[in-house]
Amino acid sequence: MFTLPLIFITGGVRSGKSHFAEKTAIEHYQTRSVQALRLIYIASGIALDREMEKRIRRHQADRQSHQIPWLTIEAPYKMVDSFQSLRDGDVVLWDCVTTWLTNAFYEGFDKGTPCVEQSGCLEEKLSVLKIAVRSLLDKNITLIVVSNELFDEPPYLNEEVELYRQMLGDLHQWFVLMADEAYEINYSIVKKWK
């Protein structure tokens, strides 16, 4: 048994990171020395407004334009469940950490108390996610993880926004530490950091 890579890709909104990630996933799918079984897209987005609906449709159209069969798994909350369905030989693109973390913050809002207001809730979600990602690293799976870069602006006065940025920053650092390769995309220009 051998391990395959974890690739972390970040960049600003509309920077070209999803296109780069899809292209990278397809290359891994087509050129692996061990036959790739499935090309999987794990989607964390939820269409709560028209803008998000448009973005989701655009991403779906982009994947279909490659004429390669993507299997899409919707995972706005329970990332671990989607990871458990993965098999040796899969090439997996998760888009994106930023959206998943937002969902994690506000999961439970419809029942009265979002996770961000429950003591230890977010820490537990992050811990479970990290354990699940580590478990994939010992399998014959290529995992490509996409996130957004939100750290070029000055600190916000809103405590919740700063908590989000801090948790996202910590999560980015962890992914880069675990990753075999790490990229930052700006204006469709790719910078390989690791």
C-alpha atoms as a PDB file:
ATOM      1  CA  MET A   1       0.000   0.000   0.000  1.00  0.00           C
ATOM      2  CA  PHE A   2       1.289   3.449  -0.841  1.00  0.00           C
ATOM      3  CA  THR A   3      -0.113   6.878  -0.159  1.00  0.00           C
ATOM      4  CA  LEU A   4      -1.069   9.419  -2.770  1.00  0.00           C
ATOM      5  CA  PRO A   5      -0.982  13.158  -2.504  1.00  0.00           C
ATOM      6  CA  LEU A   6      -2.931  15.760  -0.658  1.00  0.00           C
ATOM      7  CA  ILE A   7      -2.912  18.937  -2.748  1.00  0.00           C
ATOM      8  CA  PHE A   8      -4.052  22.226  -1.186  1.00  0.00           C
ATOM      9  CA  ILE A   9      -5.134  25.112  -3.440  1.00  0.00           C
ATOM     10  CA  THR A  10      -6.105  28.574  -2.246  1.00  0.00           C
ATOM     11  CA  GLY A  11      -6.696  31.968  -3.799  1.00  0.00           C
ATOM     12  CA  GLY A  12      -9.040  34.910  -3.880  1.00  0.00           C
ATOM     13  CA  VAL A  13     -12.604  34.848  -5.136  1.00  0.00           C
ATOM     14  CA  ARG A  14     -12.734  34.379  -8.943  1.00  0.00           C
ATOM     15  CA  SER A  15      -8.947  33.865  -9.022  1.00  0.00           C
ATOM     16  CA  GLY A  16      -9.056  30.708 -11.152  1.00  0.00           C
ATOM     17  CA  LYS A  17      -8.443  28.287  -8.296  1.00  0.00           C
ATOM     18  CA  SER A  18     -11.423  26.024  -9.049  1.00  0.00           C
ATOM     19  CA  HIS A  19     -10.438  25.783 -12.716  1.00  0.00           C
ATOM     20  CA  PHE A  20      -6.855  24.940 -11.702  1.00  0.00           C
ATOM     21  CA  ALA A  21      -8.126  22.372  -9.186  1.00  0.00           C
ATOM     22  CA  GLU A  22     -10.411  20.704 -11.750  1.00  0.00           C
ATOM     23  CA  LYS A  23      -7.583  20.566 -14.286  1.00  0.00           C
ATOM     24  CA  THR A  24      -5.252  19.076 -11.651  1.00  0.00           C
ATOM     25  CA  ALA A  25      -7.854  16.462 -10.676  1.00  0.00           C
ATOM     26  CA  ILE A  26      -8.396  15.455 -14.306  1.00  0.00           C
ATOM     27  CA  GLU A  27      -4.628  15.159 -14.864  1.00  0.00           C
ATOM     28  CA  HIS A  28      -4.312  12.892 -11.831  1.00  0.00           C
ATOM     29  CA  TYR A  29      -7.312  10.879 -12.968  1.00  0.00           C
ATOM     30  CA  GLN A  30      -5.904  10.371 -16.452  1.00  0.00           C
ATOM     31  CA  THR A  31      -2.227   9.819 -15.660  1.00  0.00           C
ATOM     32  CA  ARG A  32      -2.067   7.809 -12.455  1.00  0.00           C
ATOM     33  CA  SER A  33       0.078   4.703 -12.640  1.00  0.00           C
ATOM     34  CA  VAL A  34      -2.646   2.887 -10.729  1.00  0.00           C
ATOM     35  CA  GLN A  35      -5.956   3.061 -12.598  1.00  0.00           C
ATOM     36  CA  ALA A  36      -8.146   5.767 -11.090  1.00  0.00           C
ATOM     37  CA  LEU A  37     -11.574   4.384 -10.330  1.00  0.00           C
ATOM     38  CA  ARG A  38     -13.650   7.520  -9.991  1.00  0.00           C
ATOM     39  CA  LEU A  39     -13.270  11.258 -10.399  1.00  0.00           C
ATOM     40  CA  ILE A  40     -15.203  12.744  -7.489  1.00  0.00           C
ATOM     41  CA  TYR A  41     -16.262  16.306  -6.757  1.00  0.00           C
ATOM     42  CA  ILE A  42     -17.254  16.966  -3.135  1.00  0.00           C
ATOM     43  CA  ALA A  43     -19.375  20.116  -3.112  1.00  0.00           C
ATOM     44  CA  SER A  44     -19.885  22.072   0.094  1.00  0.00           C
ATOM     45  CA  GLY A  45     -21.945  24.919  -1.340  1.00  0.00           C
ATOM     46  CA  ILE A  46     -25.598  25.506  -0.576  1.00  0.00           C
ATOM     47  CA  ALA A  47     -27.676  27.645  -2.940  1.00  0.00           C
ATOM     48  CA  LEU A  48     -29.140  30.085  -0.403  1.00  0.00           C
ATOM     49  CA  ASP A  49     -29.339  32.999  -2.842  1.00  0.00           C
ATOM     50  CA  ARG A  50     -29.219  33.715  -6.575  1.00  0.00           C
ATOM     51  CA  GLU A  51     -25.513  34.473  -6.592  1.00  0.00           C
ATOM     52  CA  MET A  52     -24.677  31.106  -5.040  1.00  0.00           C
ATOM     53  CA  GLU A  53     -27.087  29.355  -7.436  1.00  0.00           C
ATOM     54  CA  LYS A  54     -25.195  30.937 -10.357  1.00  0.00           C
ATOM     55  CA  ARG A  55     -21.823  29.917  -8.956  1.00  0.00           C
ATOM     56  CA  ILE A  56     -22.957  26.326  -8.425  1.00  0.00           C
ATOM     57  CA  ARG A  57     -24.387  26.121 -11.959  1.00  0.00           C
ATOM     58  CA  ARG A  58     -21.173  27.595 -13.391  1.00  0.00           C
ATOM     59  CA  HIS A  59     -19.042  25.012 -11.557  1.00  0.00           C
ATOM     60  CA  GLN A  60     -21.322  22.204 -12.761  1.00  0.00           C
ATOM     61  CA  ALA A  61     -21.095  23.439 -16.359  1.00  0.00           C
ATOM     62  CA  ASP A  62     -17.306  23.715 -16.092  1.00  0.00           C
ATOM     63  CA  ARG A  63     -17.043  20.091 -14.972  1.00  0.00           C
ATOM     64  CA  GLN A  64     -19.382  18.889 -17.734  1.00  0.00           C
ATOM     65  CA  SER A  65     -17.347  20.752 -20.377  1.00  0.00           C
ATOM     66  CA  HIS A  66     -14.394  18.418 -19.747  1.00  0.00           C
ATOM     67  CA  GLN A  67     -16.485  15.453 -20.967  1.00  0.00           C
ATOM     68  CA  ILE A  68     -15.122  13.278 -18.173  1.00  0.00           C
ATOM     69  CA  PRO A  69     -17.598  11.632 -15.810  1.00  0.00           C
ATOM     70  CA  TRP A  70     -17.518  13.397 -12.446  1.00  0.00           C
ATOM     71  CA  LEU A  71     -19.377  11.853  -9.529  1.00  0.00           C
ATOM     72  CA  THR A  72     -20.677  14.711  -7.369  1.00  0.00           C
ATOM     73  CA  ILE A  73     -21.181  14.263  -3.639  1.00  0.00           C
ATOM     74  CA  GLU A  74     -23.081  17.042  -1.876  1.00  0.00           C
ATOM     75  CA  ALA A  75     -21.488  17.576   1.550  1.00  0.00           C
ATOM     76  CA  PRO A  76     -22.394  20.951   3.006  1.00  0.00           C
ATOM     77  CA  TYR A  77     -22.084  19.714   6.602  1.00  0.00           C
ATOM     78  CA  LYS A  78     -20.967  16.139   7.182  1.00  0.00           C
ATOM     79  CA  MET A  79     -17.642  15.915   5.378  1.00  0.00           C
ATOM     80  CA  VAL A  80     -16.734  12.731   7.228  1.00  0.00           C
ATOM     81  CA  ASP A  81     -19.718  10.887   5.727  1.00  0.00           C
ATOM     82  CA  SER A  82     -18.576  11.798   2.212  1.00  0.00           C
ATOM     83  CA  PHE A  83     -15.013  10.697   2.999  1.00  0.00           C
ATOM     84  CA  GLN A  84     -16.271   7.316   4.199  1.00  0.00           C
ATOM     85  CA  SER A  85     -17.778   6.642   0.770  1.00  0.00           C
ATOM     86  CA  LEU A  86     -14.396   7.017  -0.962  1.00  0.00           C
ATOM     87  CA  ARG A  87     -12.549   4.003  -2.352  1.00  0.00           C
ATOM     88  CA  ASP A  88      -8.964   3.192  -3.182  1.00  0.00           C
ATOM     89  CA  GLY A  89      -8.148   4.613  -6.590  1.00  0.00           C
ATOM     90  CA  ASP A  90     -10.440   7.640  -6.327  1.00  0.00           C
ATOM     91  CA  VAL A  91      -9.291  11.128  -7.314  1.00  0.00           C
ATOM     92  CA  VAL A  92     -11.224  13.582  -5.143  1.00  0.00           C
ATOM     93  CA  LEU A  93     -11.676  17.340  -5.444  1.00  0.00           C
ATOM     94  CA  TRP A  94     -13.243  19.087  -2.428  1.00  0.00           C
ATOM     95  CA  ASP A  95     -14.484  22.616  -3.190  1.00  0.00           C
ATOM     96  CA  CYS A  96     -14.366  24.295  -0.766  1.00  0.00           C
ATOM     97  CA  VAL A  97     -13.132  24.539   2.820  1.00  0.00           C
ATOM     98  CA  THR A  98     -14.321  28.138   3.170  1.00  0.00           C
ATOM     99  CA  THR A  99     -17.913  27.258   2.360  1.00  0.00           C
ATOM    100  CA  TRP A 100     -17.840  24.165   4.584  1.00  0.00           C
ATOM    101  CA  LEU A 101     -16.512  26.214   7.532  1.00  0.00           C
ATOM    102  CA  THR A 102     -19.268  28.808   7.029  1.00  0.00           C
ATOM    103  CA  ASN A 103     -21.823  25.994   7.038  1.00  0.00           C
ATOM    104  CA  ALA A 104     -20.232  24.554  10.191  1.00  0.00           C
ATOM    105  CA  PHE A 105     -20.465  27.942  11.937  1.00  0.00           C
ATOM    106  CA  TYR A 106     -24.186  28.227  11.319  1.00  0.00           C
ATOM    107  CA  GLU A 107     -25.322  24.599  11.401  1.00  0.00           C
ATOM    108  CA  GLY A 108     -28.151  24.417  13.921  1.00  0.00           C
ATOM    109  CA  PHE A 109     -29.346  27.975  13.249  1.00  0.00           C
ATOM    110  CA  ASP A 110     -32.687  26.635  12.006  1.00  0.00           C
ATOM    111  CA  LYS A 111     -33.127  24.869  15.372  1.00  0.00           C
ATOM    112  CA  GLY A 112     -32.365  27.994  17.389  1.00  0.00           C
ATOM    113  CA  THR A 113     -28.658  27.820  18.230  1.00  0.00           C
ATOM    114  CA  PRO A 114     -25.934  27.799  15.586  1.00  0.00           C
ATOM    115  CA  CYS A 115     -22.743  25.844  16.224  1.00  0.00           C
ATOM    116  CA  VAL A 116     -20.742  29.074  16.660  1.00  0.00           C
ATOM    117  CA  GLU A 117     -22.836  29.809  19.781  1.00  0.00           C
ATOM    118  CA  GLN A 118     -22.437  26.310  21.256  1.00  0.00           C
ATOM    119  CA  SER A 119     -19.400  25.770  23.465  1.00  0.00           C
ATOM    120  CA  GLY A 120     -16.858  23.455  21.832  1.00  0.00           C
ATOM    121  CA  CYS A 121     -19.013  22.772  18.761  1.00  0.00           C
ATOM    122  CA  LEU A 122     -16.664  24.259  16.165  1.00  0.00           C
ATOM    123  CA  GLU A 123     -13.590  22.751  17.782  1.00  0.00           C
ATOM    124  CA  GLU A 124     -15.243  19.330  17.655  1.00  0.00           C
ATOM    125  CA  LYS A 125     -16.145  19.731  13.967  1.00  0.00           C
ATOM    126  CA  LEU A 126     -12.568  20.730  13.093  1.00  0.00           C
ATOM    127  CA  SER A 127     -11.124  17.852  15.103  1.00  0.00           C
ATOM    128  CA  VAL A 128     -13.395  15.323  13.383  1.00  0.00           C
ATOM    129  CA  LEU A 129     -12.524  16.795   9.969  1.00  0.00           C
ATOM    130  CA  LYS A 130      -8.775  16.546  10.607  1.00  0.00           C
ATOM    131  CA  ILE A 131      -9.060  12.921  11.753  1.00  0.00           C
ATOM    132  CA  ALA A 132     -11.048  12.105   8.602  1.00  0.00           C
ATOM    133  CA  VAL A 133      -8.509  13.808   6.312  1.00  0.00           C
ATOM    134  CA  ARG A 134      -5.633  11.977   8.033  1.00  0.00           C
ATOM    135  CA  SER A 135      -7.420   8.663   7.500  1.00  0.00           C
ATOM    136  CA  LEU A 136      -7.531   9.359   3.741  1.00  0.00           C
ATOM    137  CA  LEU A 137      -3.795   9.970   3.575  1.00  0.00           C
ATOM    138  CA  ASP A 138      -3.159   6.275   4.263  1.00  0.00           C
ATOM    139  CA  LYS A 139      -5.369   5.206   1.375  1.00  0.00           C
ATOM    140  CA  ASN A 140      -4.778   5.042  -2.351  1.00  0.00           C
ATOM    141  CA  ILE A 141      -6.689   8.313  -2.885  1.00  0.00           C
ATOM    142  CA  THR A 142      -5.630  11.644  -4.350  1.00  0.00           C
ATOM    143  CA  LEU A 143      -7.291  14.470  -2.396  1.00  0.00           C
ATOM    144  CA  ILE A 144      -7.332  17.999  -3.825  1.00  0.00           C
ATOM    145  CA  VAL A 145      -8.648  20.609  -1.389  1.00  0.00           C
ATOM    146  CA  VAL A 146      -9.718  24.123  -2.434  1.00  0.00           C
ATOM    147  CA  SER A 147     -10.180  27.123  -0.134  1.00  0.00           C
ATOM    148  CA  ASN A 148     -10.431  30.910  -0.326  1.00  0.00           C
ATOM    149  CA  GLU A 149      -7.775  33.361   0.755  1.00  0.00           C
ATOM    150  CA  LEU A 150      -9.357  35.935   3.099  1.00  0.00           C
ATOM    151  CA  PHE A 151      -6.348  37.324   4.898  1.00  0.00           C
ATOM    152  CA  ASP A 152      -5.286  40.387   2.893  1.00  0.00           C
ATOM    153  CA  GLU A 153      -7.712  42.726   4.621  1.00  0.00           C
ATOM    154  CA  PRO A 154      -7.296  44.385   8.032  1.00  0.00           C
ATOM    155  CA  PRO A 155      -8.994  42.787  11.031  1.00  0.00           C
ATOM    156  CA  TYR A 156     -12.754  43.183  11.306  1.00  0.00           C
ATOM    157  CA  LEU A 157     -14.400  44.677  14.373  1.00  0.00           C
ATOM    158  CA  ASN A 158     -16.996  41.895  14.314  1.00  0.00           C
ATOM    159  CA  GLU A 159     -15.900  39.173  16.759  1.00  0.00           C
ATOM    160  CA  GLU A 160     -17.615  36.386  14.838  1.00  0.00           C
ATOM    161  CA  VAL A 161     -15.936  37.352  11.551  1.00  0.00           C
ATOM    162  CA  GLU A 162     -12.532  37.467  13.263  1.00  0.00           C
ATOM    163  CA  LEU A 163     -13.153  34.055  14.864  1.00  0.00           C
ATOM    164  CA  TYR A 164     -14.014  32.710  11.398  1.00  0.00           C
ATOM    165  CA  ARG A 165     -10.843  34.175   9.861  1.00  0.00           C
ATOM    166  CA  GLN A 166      -8.721  32.827  12.716  1.00  0.00           C
ATOM    167  CA  MET A 167     -10.184  29.327  12.392  1.00  0.00           C
ATOM    168  CA  LEU A 168      -9.837  29.393   8.607  1.00  0.00           C
ATOM    169  CA  GLY A 169      -6.231  30.574   8.901  1.00  0.00           C
ATOM    170  CA  ASP A 170      -5.432  27.786  11.365  1.00  0.00           C
ATOM    171  CA  LEU A 171      -7.120  25.269   9.074  1.00  0.00           C
ATOM    172  CA  HIS A 172      -5.136  26.542   6.064  1.00  0.00           C
ATOM    173  CA  GLN A 173      -1.894  26.166   8.006  1.00  0.00           C
ATOM    174  CA  TRP A 174      -2.848  22.613   8.969  1.00  0.00           C
ATOM    175  CA  PHE A 175      -3.724  21.674   5.374  1.00  0.00           C
ATOM    176  CA  VAL A 176      -0.427  23.097   4.080  1.00  0.00           C
ATOM    177  CA  LEU A 177       1.463  21.168   6.770  1.00  0.00           C
ATOM    178  CA  MET A 178      -0.286  17.932   5.742  1.00  0.00           C
ATOM    179  CA  ALA A 179      -0.123  18.615   1.989  1.00  0.00           C
ATOM    180  CA  ASP A 180       2.380  17.229  -0.473  1.00  0.00           C
ATOM    181  CA  GLU A 181       1.772  20.276  -2.675  1.00  0.00           C
ATOM    182  CA  ALA A 182       0.337  23.730  -1.885  1.00  0.00           C
ATOM    183  CA  TYR A 183      -0.631  26.384  -4.435  1.00  0.00           C
ATOM    184  CA  GLU A 184      -1.926  29.941  -4.328  1.00  0.00           C
ATOM    185  CA  ILE A 185      -3.784  31.313  -7.359  1.00  0.00           C
ATOM    186  CA  ASN A 186      -4.085  35.040  -8.088  1.00  0.00           C
ATOM    187  CA  TYR A 187      -5.496  36.375 -11.377  1.00  0.00           C
ATOM    188  CA  SER A 188      -5.061  32.861 -12.839  1.00  0.00           C
ATOM    189  CA  ILE A 189      -1.339  32.989 -12.017  1.00  0.00           C
ATOM    190  CA  VAL A 190      -0.248  29.878 -10.124  1.00  0.00           C
ATOM    191  CA  LYS A 191       2.338  30.125  -7.322  1.00  0.00           C
ATOM    192  CA  LYS A 192       3.563  26.794  -5.950  1.00  0.00           C
ATOM    193  CA  TRP A 193       4.509  27.238  -2.300  1.00  0.00           C
ATOM    194  CA  LYS A 194       5.178  23.616  -1.445  1.00  0.00           C
END
